[in-house]
Amino acid sequence: MTAAQADLRTDHSEMPDAVSIERPAVADGAALWQLAKESGTLDVNSSYSYLLWCRDFAATSAVARAADGRPVGFVTGYVRPDRPSTLLVWQVAVDAGHRGKGLAARLLDALTTRVAAERGLTAVETTITPGNTASERLFTSYAARHDAPVEREVLFGTEQFPDGPHDPEVLFRIGPLAL
């Protein structure tokens, strides 16, 4: 996974109270696609996939809304079918105007707290390409805040991507969690 730049401080005092975090709705799909596109680092999928994601995986995703209701950040994820207590975080993006305020960390914390309460959660996984220090910092600081170890291993090597050069995707496994 690659992610937009994010401020990873645990002090969210600069976070405007007007930013709310909730489940995405299908109507948010286009805005999530736009945020992913504007991130400059995410692998952007078709707009159709973001619409489907907001429909089919809303329970394991989160959207941050500005006071006017506009999406300004998101985290998408899904529960692994073979590991129902593991949330795989697929993408994280924050609008450029809202970066540097801890929103990515706040989104990740809110999502995992909700999923843990609704389904039970003992681990979080994500993949990060080497050199994506913003994502590495986001997830290692998440692990530190939750006093959980991080294991890393290459999940998909460069040679496995059929569409040209692609950096390997390193799996970060965080857990066990006590949420």
Protein backbone atom coordinates (compact mmCIF):
# COMPACT_ATOMS: atom_id res chain seq x y z
CA MET A 1 0.00 0.00 0.00
CA THR A 2 1.13 3.55 -0.60
CA ALA A 3 -0.42 6.45 1.26
CA ALA A 4 -0.69 10.20 1.04
CA GLN A 5 1.58 12.17 3.34
CA ALA A 6 0.29 12.20 6.88
CA ASP A 7 1.18 13.86 10.13
CA LEU A 8 1.53 11.12 12.68
CA ARG A 9 1.49 13.03 15.96
CA THR A 10 -0.77 11.56 18.62
CA ASP A 11 -1.64 15.07 19.83
CA HIS A 12 -4.70 15.96 17.81
CA SER A 13 -5.14 19.39 19.45
CA GLU A 14 -4.83 21.09 16.07
CA MET A 15 -7.53 18.84 14.60
CA PRO A 16 -10.63 20.97 13.97
CA ASP A 17 -13.60 19.65 15.91
CA ALA A 18 -15.59 20.21 12.73
CA VAL A 19 -13.91 17.20 11.10
CA SER A 20 -16.03 14.13 11.74
CA ILE A 21 -15.20 10.49 11.03
CA GLU A 22 -17.85 8.05 9.90
CA ARG A 23 -18.63 5.20 7.51
CA PRO A 24 -18.47 6.12 3.83
CA ALA A 25 -21.59 6.04 1.67
CA VAL A 26 -21.82 5.26 -2.04
CA ALA A 27 -22.17 8.99 -2.66
CA ASP A 28 -18.60 9.38 -1.31
CA GLY A 29 -17.04 7.09 -3.92
CA ALA A 30 -16.23 9.84 -6.42
CA ALA A 31 -14.62 12.02 -3.74
CA LEU A 32 -12.51 9.11 -2.46
CA TRP A 33 -11.34 8.42 -6.01
CA GLN A 34 -10.40 12.12 -6.35
CA LEU A 35 -8.52 12.13 -3.03
CA ALA A 36 -6.60 9.01 -4.10
CA LYS A 37 -5.79 10.59 -7.45
CA GLU A 38 -4.63 13.85 -5.86
CA SER A 39 -2.50 12.07 -3.25
CA GLY A 40 0.28 11.65 -5.79
CA THR A 41 1.42 8.37 -4.21
CA LEU A 42 -1.49 5.93 -4.17
CA ASP A 43 -2.11 3.34 -6.85
CA VAL A 44 -5.33 4.85 -8.20
CA ASN A 45 -8.02 2.35 -9.09
CA SER A 46 -11.03 2.94 -11.33
CA SER A 47 -13.71 5.29 -10.04
CA TYR A 48 -16.06 2.31 -10.24
CA SER A 49 -13.97 0.43 -7.66
CA TYR A 50 -14.29 3.29 -5.15
CA LEU A 51 -18.07 3.31 -5.61
CA LEU A 52 -18.17 -0.44 -4.98
CA TRP A 53 -15.83 -0.10 -2.03
CA CYS A 54 -18.12 2.45 -0.40
CA ARG A 55 -21.06 0.12 -0.92
CA ASP A 56 -19.54 -3.25 -0.04
CA PHE A 57 -16.83 -2.39 2.50
CA ALA A 58 -18.25 0.65 4.31
CA ALA A 59 -18.24 -1.27 7.61
CA THR A 60 -14.46 -1.62 7.41
CA SER A 61 -13.66 1.82 6.00
CA ALA A 62 -13.85 5.38 7.29
CA VAL A 63 -14.22 8.85 5.80
CA ALA A 64 -13.28 12.16 7.40
CA ARG A 65 -15.68 15.00 6.63
CA ALA A 66 -15.13 18.73 6.87
CA ALA A 67 -17.82 20.88 8.48
CA ASP A 68 -19.49 21.27 5.07
CA GLY A 69 -19.78 17.46 4.70
CA ARG A 70 -17.06 17.20 2.07
CA PRO A 71 -14.74 14.16 2.38
CA VAL A 72 -11.21 15.30 3.30
CA GLY A 73 -9.66 11.93 4.08
CA PHE A 74 -10.32 8.22 4.10
CA VAL A 75 -9.11 4.80 5.11
CA THR A 76 -10.34 1.77 3.21
CA GLY A 77 -9.99 -1.77 4.49
CA TYR A 78 -11.54 -5.19 4.68
CA VAL A 79 -11.64 -8.11 7.07
CA ARG A 80 -9.59 -10.99 5.72
CA PRO A 81 -11.87 -13.98 4.99
CA ASP A 82 -9.29 -16.49 6.23
CA ARG A 83 -8.48 -14.37 9.32
CA PRO A 84 -11.74 -12.76 10.49
CA SER A 85 -10.06 -10.90 13.34
CA THR A 86 -7.57 -9.19 10.97
CA LEU A 87 -8.31 -5.89 9.23
CA LEU A 88 -6.28 -5.28 6.08
CA VAL A 89 -5.95 -1.54 5.43
CA TRP A 90 -5.93 -1.01 1.68
CA GLN A 91 -5.55 2.76 1.21
CA VAL A 92 -5.15 5.91 3.31
CA ALA A 93 -5.46 9.40 1.84
CA VAL A 94 -5.78 12.90 3.29
CA ASP A 95 -6.59 16.10 1.38
CA ALA A 96 -3.53 18.36 1.07
CA GLY A 97 -5.26 21.13 3.04
CA HIS A 98 -5.82 18.81 6.00
CA ARG A 99 -2.37 17.20 6.20
CA GLY A 100 -0.06 17.91 9.09
CA LYS A 101 -2.85 17.74 11.69
CA GLY A 102 -2.86 14.07 12.62
CA LEU A 103 -5.91 13.20 10.52
CA ALA A 104 -4.49 9.97 9.06
CA ALA A 105 -3.70 8.66 12.55
CA ARG A 106 -7.10 9.76 13.83
CA LEU A 107 -8.82 7.98 10.92
CA LEU A 108 -6.88 4.77 11.52
CA ASP A 109 -7.57 4.82 15.27
CA ALA A 110 -11.28 5.52 14.76
CA LEU A 111 -11.66 2.77 12.16
CA THR A 112 -9.88 0.10 14.18
CA THR A 113 -11.77 1.02 17.35
CA ARG A 114 -15.09 0.70 15.47
CA VAL A 115 -14.17 -2.59 13.80
CA ALA A 116 -12.93 -4.00 17.11
CA ALA A 117 -16.21 -3.10 18.82
CA GLU A 118 -18.38 -4.51 16.04
CA ARG A 119 -16.45 -7.63 14.97
CA GLY A 120 -13.51 -8.19 17.23
CA LEU A 121 -10.05 -7.31 16.01
CA THR A 122 -6.68 -8.68 17.02
CA ALA A 123 -4.46 -7.56 14.12
CA VAL A 124 -4.08 -4.91 11.45
CA GLU A 125 -2.24 -5.55 8.19
CA THR A 126 -1.23 -3.30 5.34
CA THR A 127 1.31 -3.36 2.55
CA ILE A 128 3.82 -0.59 2.01
CA THR A 129 6.32 -0.10 -0.78
CA PRO A 130 9.93 0.46 0.32
CA GLY A 131 10.71 4.14 0.68
CA ASN A 132 7.16 5.19 1.56
CA THR A 133 8.24 6.70 4.86
CA ALA A 134 4.90 8.46 5.50
CA SER A 135 3.05 5.13 5.50
CA GLU A 136 5.79 3.41 7.47
CA ARG A 137 5.58 6.14 10.13
CA LEU A 138 1.77 6.02 10.19
CA PHE A 139 1.63 2.29 10.84
CA THR A 140 4.64 2.01 13.15
CA SER A 141 3.28 4.88 15.27
CA TYR A 142 -0.12 3.13 15.31
CA ALA A 143 1.60 0.00 16.65
CA ALA A 144 3.45 2.05 19.28
CA ARG A 145 0.23 3.79 20.43
CA HIS A 146 -1.40 0.37 20.83
CA ASP A 147 1.66 -1.30 22.37
CA ALA A 148 1.70 -3.94 19.62
CA PRO A 149 4.61 -5.51 17.75
CA VAL A 150 5.12 -5.10 14.00
CA GLU A 151 6.23 -7.96 11.74
CA ARG A 152 7.39 -7.24 8.19
CA GLU A 153 7.81 -9.54 5.18
CA VAL A 154 7.59 -9.16 1.41
CA LEU A 155 4.07 -10.15 0.38
CA PHE A 156 4.33 -9.49 -3.37
CA GLY A 157 7.71 -9.29 -5.07
CA THR A 158 8.44 -7.08 -8.04
CA GLU A 159 8.30 -10.06 -10.42
CA GLN A 160 4.68 -10.81 -9.47
CA PHE A 161 3.27 -7.61 -10.99
CA PRO A 162 2.27 -8.19 -14.61
CA ASP A 163 1.80 -4.54 -15.58
CA GLY A 164 5.36 -3.30 -15.59
CA PRO A 165 7.80 -2.15 -13.00
CA HIS A 166 6.33 -2.10 -9.50
CA ASP A 167 8.13 -1.95 -6.19
CA PRO A 168 7.61 -4.91 -3.90
CA GLU A 169 4.75 -4.69 -1.42
CA VAL A 170 5.94 -5.32 2.13
CA LEU A 171 3.33 -6.71 4.50
CA PHE A 172 3.21 -4.98 7.89
CA ARG A 173 1.38 -7.15 10.44
CA ILE A 174 0.51 -5.32 13.68
CA GLY A 175 -0.69 -7.36 16.61
CA PRO A 176 -1.82 -8.81 18.78
CA LEU A 177 -3.97 -5.78 19.57
CA ALA A 178 -5.99 -5.19 22.71
CA LEU A 179 -8.60 -2.66 21.58
